[in-house]
């Protein structure tokens, strides 16, 4: 086994692909956008679980 000597591609310049409008202005902005994304994901998962349970009850 050989250790990795270069930075992985997924960690190189993580924010370079974002436009200036998408970059968080400060830590509060970053936390707020992260919380918003997390809440949106949680609501989507909850809706899928609810739909799955409803379909399961029909059978």
C-alpha atoms as a PDB file:
ATOM      1  CA  UNK A   1       0.000   0.000   0.000  1.00  0.00           C
ATOM      2  CA  UNK A   2       1.178   3.483  -0.868  1.00  0.00           C
ATOM      3  CA  UNK A   3       0.026   6.589   1.022  1.00  0.00           C
ATOM      4  CA  UNK A   4      -1.776   9.301  -0.888  1.00  0.00           C
ATOM      5  CA  UNK A   5       0.506  12.271  -1.543  1.00  0.00           C
ATOM      6  CA  UNK A   6      -1.826  14.631  -3.409  1.00  0.00           C
ATOM      7  CA  UNK A   7      -4.983  16.390  -2.319  1.00  0.00           C
ATOM      8  CA  UNK A   8      -8.053  14.426  -3.466  1.00  0.00           C
ATOM      9  CA  UNK A   9     -10.044  15.972  -6.319  1.00  0.00           C
ATOM     10  CA  UNK A  10     -13.160  16.333  -4.192  1.00  0.00           C
ATOM     11  CA  UNK A  11     -11.314  18.556  -1.699  1.00  0.00           C
ATOM     12  CA  UNK A  12      -9.522  20.825  -4.164  1.00  0.00           C
ATOM     13  CA  UNK A  13     -10.952  24.327  -4.228  1.00  0.00           C
ATOM     14  CA  UNK A  14     -14.360  23.405  -2.882  1.00  0.00           C
ATOM     15  CA  UNK A  15     -15.633  26.973  -3.149  1.00  0.00           C
ATOM     16  CA  UNK A  16     -14.174  27.784  -6.568  1.00  0.00           C
ATOM     17  CA  UNK A  17     -17.163  26.234  -8.339  1.00  0.00           C
ATOM     18  CA  UNK A  18     -19.582  28.548  -6.517  1.00  0.00           C
ATOM     19  CA  UNK A  19     -20.446  31.955  -7.897  1.00  0.00           C
ATOM     20  CA  UNK A  20     -20.035  35.040  -5.710  1.00  0.00           C
ATOM     21  CA  UNK A  21     -23.776  35.033  -4.967  1.00  0.00           C
ATOM     22  CA  UNK A  22     -23.694  31.441  -3.653  1.00  0.00           C
ATOM     23  CA  UNK A  23     -20.707  31.870  -1.327  1.00  0.00           C
ATOM     24  CA  UNK A  24     -21.654  32.536   2.293  1.00  0.00           C
ATOM     25  CA  UNK A  25     -20.780  36.053   3.409  1.00  0.00           C
ATOM     26  CA  UNK A  26     -19.978  35.028   6.998  1.00  0.00           C
ATOM     27  CA  UNK A  27     -20.426  32.200   9.495  1.00  0.00           C
ATOM     28  CA  UNK A  28     -24.014  33.208  10.308  1.00  0.00           C
ATOM     29  CA  UNK A  29     -24.967  33.116   6.630  1.00  0.00           C
ATOM     30  CA  UNK A  30     -23.301  29.726   6.212  1.00  0.00           C
ATOM     31  CA  UNK A  31     -25.063  28.324   9.287  1.00  0.00           C
ATOM     32  CA  UNK A  32     -28.434  29.671   8.166  1.00  0.00           C
ATOM     33  CA  UNK A  33     -28.120  28.238   4.668  1.00  0.00           C
ATOM     34  CA  UNK A  34     -26.961  24.911   6.102  1.00  0.00           C
ATOM     35  CA  UNK A  35     -29.898  24.800   8.495  1.00  0.00           C
ATOM     36  CA  UNK A  36     -32.270  25.642   5.659  1.00  0.00           C
ATOM     37  CA  UNK A  37     -30.846  22.879   3.482  1.00  0.00           C
ATOM     38  CA  UNK A  38     -31.018  20.413   6.358  1.00  0.00           C
ATOM     39  CA  UNK A  39     -34.642  21.272   7.115  1.00  0.00           C
ATOM     40  CA  UNK A  40     -35.582  20.931   3.461  1.00  0.00           C
ATOM     41  CA  UNK A  41     -33.925  17.514   3.306  1.00  0.00           C
ATOM     42  CA  UNK A  42     -35.653  16.384   6.514  1.00  0.00           C
ATOM     43  CA  UNK A  43     -39.058  17.472   5.195  1.00  0.00           C
ATOM     44  CA  UNK A  44     -38.466  15.605   1.935  1.00  0.00           C
ATOM     45  CA  UNK A  45     -37.508  12.431   3.797  1.00  0.00           C
ATOM     46  CA  UNK A  46     -40.570  12.760   6.022  1.00  0.00           C
ATOM     47  CA  UNK A  47     -42.848  13.200   3.009  1.00  0.00           C
ATOM     48  CA  UNK A  48     -41.372  10.107   1.345  1.00  0.00           C
ATOM     49  CA  UNK A  49     -41.838   8.058   4.526  1.00  0.00           C
ATOM     50  CA  UNK A  50     -45.427   9.232   4.837  1.00  0.00           C
ATOM     51  CA  UNK A  51     -46.129   8.356   1.204  1.00  0.00           C
ATOM     52  CA  UNK A  52     -44.527   4.940   1.651  1.00  0.00           C
ATOM     53  CA  UNK A  53     -46.639   4.230   4.754  1.00  0.00           C
ATOM     54  CA  UNK A  54     -49.815   5.296   2.939  1.00  0.00           C
ATOM     55  CA  UNK A  55     -49.008   3.034  -0.023  1.00  0.00           C
ATOM     56  CA  UNK A  56     -48.192   0.206   2.366  1.00  0.00           C
ATOM     57  CA  UNK A  57     -51.570   0.637   4.125  1.00  0.00           C
ATOM     58  CA  UNK A  58     -53.404   0.351   0.800  1.00  0.00           C
ATOM     59  CA  UNK A  59     -52.124  -3.166   0.257  1.00  0.00           C
END
